[in-house]
Amino acid sequence: MGTFNALTGISSLPASVMAGFLWQTSGAFTAFCVSSLLPIISTLLMFILRI
């Protein structure tokens, strides 16, 4: 449990920094669009690569 929570915390920091940067520079719409497109792209890659 500790390893899982540590990895979750470590990975959420860069995601939060990127979302904050996009929000400050391009606005909320861009931040939400990128936040919704990245999971879609990763899902497609999982199906293509059969992971």
PDB file of N, CA and C in Angstrom:
ATOM      1  N   MET A   1       0.820  -1.192   0.000  1.00  0.00           N
ATOM      2  CA  MET A   1       0.000   0.000   0.000  1.00  0.00           C
ATOM      3  C   MET A   1       0.865   1.257   0.000  1.00  0.00           C
ATOM      4  N   GLY A   2       1.938   1.211   0.745  1.00  0.00           N
ATOM      5  CA  GLY A   2       2.803   2.379   0.805  1.00  0.00           C
ATOM      6  C   GLY A   2       3.468   2.683  -0.519  1.00  0.00           C
ATOM      7  N   THR A   3       3.906   1.643  -1.220  1.00  0.00           N
ATOM      8  CA  THR A   3       4.539   1.851  -2.521  1.00  0.00           C
ATOM      9  C   THR A   3       3.549   2.409  -3.520  1.00  0.00           C
ATOM     10  N   PHE A   4       2.337   1.875  -3.526  1.00  0.00           N
ATOM     11  CA  PHE A   4       1.303   2.360  -4.433  1.00  0.00           C
ATOM     12  C   PHE A   4       1.004   3.828  -4.180  1.00  0.00           C
ATOM     13  N   ASN A   5       0.823   4.201  -2.914  1.00  0.00           N
ATOM     14  CA  ASN A   5       0.526   5.590  -2.582  1.00  0.00           C
ATOM     15  C   ASN A   5       1.697   6.511  -2.891  1.00  0.00           C
ATOM     16  N   ALA A   6       2.917   6.031  -2.703  1.00  0.00           N
ATOM     17  CA  ALA A   6       4.088   6.853  -3.026  1.00  0.00           C
ATOM     18  C   ALA A   6       4.167   7.101  -4.526  1.00  0.00           C
ATOM     19  N   LEU A   7       3.947   6.065  -5.318  1.00  0.00           N
ATOM     20  CA  LEU A   7       3.995   6.235  -6.773  1.00  0.00           C
ATOM     21  C   LEU A   7       2.857   7.108  -7.277  1.00  0.00           C
ATOM     22  N   THR A   8       1.702   6.994  -6.667  1.00  0.00           N
ATOM     23  CA  THR A   8       0.581   7.851  -7.039  1.00  0.00           C
ATOM     24  C   THR A   8       0.895   9.316  -6.735  1.00  0.00           C
ATOM     25  N   GLY A   9       1.467   9.571  -5.582  1.00  0.00           N
ATOM     26  CA  GLY A   9       1.828  10.935  -5.217  1.00  0.00           C
ATOM     27  C   GLY A   9       2.916  11.515  -6.095  1.00  0.00           C
ATOM     28  N   ILE A  10       3.907  10.689  -6.429  1.00  0.00           N
ATOM     29  CA  ILE A  10       4.999  11.156  -7.281  1.00  0.00           C
ATOM     30  C   ILE A  10       4.493  11.463  -8.679  1.00  0.00           C
ATOM     31  N   SER A  11       3.574  10.668  -9.191  1.00  0.00           N
ATOM     32  CA  SER A  11       3.074  10.898 -10.545  1.00  0.00           C
ATOM     33  C   SER A  11       2.053  12.031 -10.607  1.00  0.00           C
ATOM     34  N   SER A  12       1.389  12.322  -9.507  1.00  0.00           N
ATOM     35  CA  SER A  12       0.400  13.396  -9.538  1.00  0.00           C
ATOM     36  C   SER A  12       1.047  14.784  -9.502  1.00  0.00           C
ATOM     37  N   LEU A  13       2.255  14.898  -9.006  1.00  0.00           N
ATOM     38  CA  LEU A  13       2.916  16.199  -8.977  1.00  0.00           C
ATOM     39  C   LEU A  13       3.189  16.737 -10.378  1.00  0.00           C
ATOM     40  N   PRO A  14       3.835  15.990 -11.291  1.00  0.00           N
ATOM     41  CA  PRO A  14       4.028  16.524 -12.640  1.00  0.00           C
ATOM     42  C   PRO A  14       2.708  16.776 -13.377  1.00  0.00           C
ATOM     43  N   ALA A  15       1.702  15.943 -13.130  1.00  0.00           N
ATOM     44  CA  ALA A  15       0.402  16.145 -13.772  1.00  0.00           C
ATOM     45  C   ALA A  15      -0.231  17.451 -13.292  1.00  0.00           C
ATOM     46  N   SER A  16      -0.122  17.729 -12.021  1.00  0.00           N
ATOM     47  CA  SER A  16      -0.685  18.966 -11.481  1.00  0.00           C
ATOM     48  C   SER A  16       0.072  20.185 -11.982  1.00  0.00           C
ATOM     49  N   VAL A  17       1.388  20.070 -12.087  1.00  0.00           N
ATOM     50  CA  VAL A  17       2.189  21.186 -12.592  1.00  0.00           C
ATOM     51  C   VAL A  17       1.836  21.465 -14.055  1.00  0.00           C
ATOM     52  N   MET A  18       1.691  20.404 -14.864  1.00  0.00           N
ATOM     53  CA  MET A  18       1.343  20.590 -16.271  1.00  0.00           C
ATOM     54  C   MET A  18      -0.053  21.197 -16.410  1.00  0.00           C
ATOM     55  N   ALA A  19      -1.016  20.721 -15.625  1.00  0.00           N
ATOM     56  CA  ALA A  19      -2.370  21.270 -15.689  1.00  0.00           C
ATOM     57  C   ALA A  19      -2.383  22.735 -15.249  1.00  0.00           C
ATOM     58  N   GLY A  20      -1.644  23.061 -14.214  1.00  0.00           N
ATOM     59  CA  GLY A  20      -1.575  24.446 -13.767  1.00  0.00           C
ATOM     60  C   GLY A  20      -0.922  25.352 -14.794  1.00  0.00           C
ATOM     61  N   PHE A  21       0.126  24.857 -15.448  1.00  0.00           N
ATOM     62  CA  PHE A  21       0.790  25.641 -16.489  1.00  0.00           C
ATOM     63  C   PHE A  21      -0.151  25.901 -17.659  1.00  0.00           C
ATOM     64  N   LEU A  22      -0.856  24.860 -18.094  1.00  0.00           N
ATOM     65  CA  LEU A  22      -1.805  25.033 -19.190  1.00  0.00           C
ATOM     66  C   LEU A  22      -2.929  25.985 -18.804  1.00  0.00           C
ATOM     67  N   TRP A  23      -3.399  25.878 -17.573  1.00  0.00           N
ATOM     68  CA  TRP A  23      -4.485  26.742 -17.115  1.00  0.00           C
ATOM     69  C   TRP A  23      -4.030  28.204 -17.112  1.00  0.00           C
ATOM     70  N   GLN A  24      -2.810  28.463 -16.654  1.00  0.00           N
ATOM     71  CA  GLN A  24      -2.307  29.833 -16.578  1.00  0.00           C
ATOM     72  C   GLN A  24      -2.018  30.418 -17.954  1.00  0.00           C
ATOM     73  N   THR A  25      -1.487  29.609 -18.854  1.00  0.00           N
ATOM     74  CA  THR A  25      -1.078  30.135 -20.152  1.00  0.00           C
ATOM     75  C   THR A  25      -2.196  30.129 -21.184  1.00  0.00           C
ATOM     76  N   SER A  26      -3.037  29.088 -21.175  1.00  0.00           N
ATOM     77  CA  SER A  26      -4.026  28.958 -22.243  1.00  0.00           C
ATOM     78  C   SER A  26      -5.468  28.965 -21.765  1.00  0.00           C
ATOM     79  N   GLY A  27      -5.688  28.859 -20.493  1.00  0.00           N
ATOM     80  CA  GLY A  27      -7.046  28.889 -19.975  1.00  0.00           C
ATOM     81  C   GLY A  27      -7.548  27.519 -19.567  1.00  0.00           C
ATOM     82  N   ALA A  28      -8.721  27.537 -18.971  1.00  0.00           N
ATOM     83  CA  ALA A  28      -9.306  26.313 -18.431  1.00  0.00           C
ATOM     84  C   ALA A  28      -9.709  25.338 -19.526  1.00  0.00           C
ATOM     85  N   PHE A  29     -10.224  25.849 -20.635  1.00  0.00           N
ATOM     86  CA  PHE A  29     -10.686  24.970 -21.703  1.00  0.00           C
ATOM     87  C   PHE A  29      -9.557  24.099 -22.230  1.00  0.00           C
ATOM     88  N   THR A  30      -8.388  24.679 -22.446  1.00  0.00           N
ATOM     89  CA  THR A  30      -7.248  23.914 -22.938  1.00  0.00           C
ATOM     90  C   THR A  30      -6.794  22.880 -21.915  1.00  0.00           C
ATOM     91  N   ALA A  31      -6.756  23.261 -20.656  1.00  0.00           N
ATOM     92  CA  ALA A  31      -6.339  22.321 -19.615  1.00  0.00           C
ATOM     93  C   ALA A  31      -7.288  21.132 -19.542  1.00  0.00           C
ATOM     94  N   PHE A  32      -8.591  21.386 -19.627  1.00  0.00           N
ATOM     95  CA  PHE A  32      -9.544  20.285 -19.578  1.00  0.00           C
ATOM     96  C   PHE A  32      -9.506  19.441 -20.847  1.00  0.00           C
ATOM     97  N   CYS A  33      -9.281  20.059 -21.996  1.00  0.00           N
ATOM     98  CA  CYS A  33      -9.183  19.286 -23.245  1.00  0.00           C
ATOM     99  C   CYS A  33      -7.969  18.361 -23.223  1.00  0.00           C
ATOM    100  N   VAL A  34      -6.830  18.868 -22.789  1.00  0.00           N
ATOM    101  CA  VAL A  34      -5.635  18.025 -22.713  1.00  0.00           C
ATOM    102  C   VAL A  34      -5.841  16.920 -21.678  1.00  0.00           C
ATOM    103  N   SER A  35      -6.479  17.262 -20.561  1.00  0.00           N
ATOM    104  CA  SER A  35      -6.731  16.260 -19.522  1.00  0.00           C
ATOM    105  C   SER A  35      -7.682  15.170 -19.993  1.00  0.00           C
ATOM    106  N   SER A  36      -8.536  15.464 -20.943  1.00  0.00           N
ATOM    107  CA  SER A  36      -9.437  14.430 -21.448  1.00  0.00           C
ATOM    108  C   SER A  36      -8.851  13.693 -22.648  1.00  0.00           C
ATOM    109  N   LEU A  37      -7.957  14.323 -23.383  1.00  0.00           N
ATOM    110  CA  LEU A  37      -7.365  13.671 -24.547  1.00  0.00           C
ATOM    111  C   LEU A  37      -6.279  12.666 -24.167  1.00  0.00           C
ATOM    112  N   LEU A  38      -5.503  12.931 -23.143  1.00  0.00           N
ATOM    113  CA  LEU A  38      -4.424  12.026 -22.765  1.00  0.00           C
ATOM    114  C   LEU A  38      -4.917  10.627 -22.372  1.00  0.00           C
ATOM    115  N   PRO A  39      -5.978  10.484 -21.580  1.00  0.00           N
ATOM    116  CA  PRO A  39      -6.470   9.122 -21.308  1.00  0.00           C
ATOM    117  C   PRO A  39      -7.015   8.421 -22.553  1.00  0.00           C
ATOM    118  N   ILE A  40      -7.623   9.176 -23.453  1.00  0.00           N
ATOM    119  CA  ILE A  40      -8.126   8.577 -24.693  1.00  0.00           C
ATOM    120  C   ILE A  40      -6.970   8.059 -25.533  1.00  0.00           C
ATOM    121  N   ILE A  41      -5.912   8.845 -25.634  1.00  0.00           N
ATOM    122  CA  ILE A  41      -4.737   8.420 -26.402  1.00  0.00           C
ATOM    123  C   ILE A  41      -4.089   7.199 -25.761  1.00  0.00           C
ATOM    124  N   SER A  42      -3.976   7.202 -24.434  1.00  0.00           N
ATOM    125  CA  SER A  42      -3.353   6.049 -23.773  1.00  0.00           C
ATOM    126  C   SER A  42      -4.208   4.795 -23.915  1.00  0.00           C
ATOM    127  N   THR A  43      -5.520   4.936 -23.910  1.00  0.00           N
ATOM    128  CA  THR A  43      -6.394   3.775 -24.121  1.00  0.00           C
ATOM    129  C   THR A  43      -6.232   3.222 -25.523  1.00  0.00           C
ATOM    130  N   LEU A  44      -6.176   4.093 -26.508  1.00  0.00           N
ATOM    131  CA  LEU A  44      -5.961   3.643 -27.885  1.00  0.00           C
ATOM    132  C   LEU A  44      -4.613   2.944 -28.034  1.00  0.00           C
ATOM    133  N   LEU A  45      -3.578   3.481 -27.413  1.00  0.00           N
ATOM    134  CA  LEU A  45      -2.267   2.845 -27.474  1.00  0.00           C
ATOM    135  C   LEU A  45      -2.271   1.476 -26.793  1.00  0.00           C
ATOM    136  N   MET A  46      -3.015   1.352 -25.704  1.00  0.00           N
ATOM    137  CA  MET A  46      -3.110   0.045 -25.050  1.00  0.00           C
ATOM    138  C   MET A  46      -3.764  -0.985 -25.965  1.00  0.00           C
ATOM    139  N   PHE A  47      -4.802  -0.578 -26.683  1.00  0.00           N
ATOM    140  CA  PHE A  47      -5.457  -1.508 -27.603  1.00  0.00           C
ATOM    141  C   PHE A  47      -4.568  -1.838 -28.809  1.00  0.00           C
ATOM    142  N   ILE A  48      -3.842  -0.841 -29.299  1.00  0.00           N
ATOM    143  CA  ILE A  48      -2.971  -1.064 -30.457  1.00  0.00           C
ATOM    144  C   ILE A  48      -1.796  -1.963 -30.075  1.00  0.00           C
ATOM    145  N   LEU A  49      -1.168  -1.691 -28.933  1.00  0.00           N
ATOM    146  CA  LEU A  49       0.002  -2.457 -28.511  1.00  0.00           C
ATOM    147  C   LEU A  49      -0.370  -3.741 -27.768  1.00  0.00           C
ATOM    148  N   ARG A  50      -1.644  -3.932 -27.476  1.00  0.00           N
ATOM    149  CA  ARG A  50      -2.175  -5.111 -26.783  1.00  0.00           C
ATOM    150  C   ARG A  50      -1.504  -5.354 -25.438  1.00  0.00           C
ATOM    151  N   ILE A  51      -1.462  -4.319 -24.627  1.00  0.00           N
ATOM    152  CA  ILE A  51      -0.863  -4.425 -23.296  1.00  0.00           C
ATOM    153  C   ILE A  51      -1.924  -4.872 -22.313  1.00  0.00           C
TER     154      ILE A  51
END
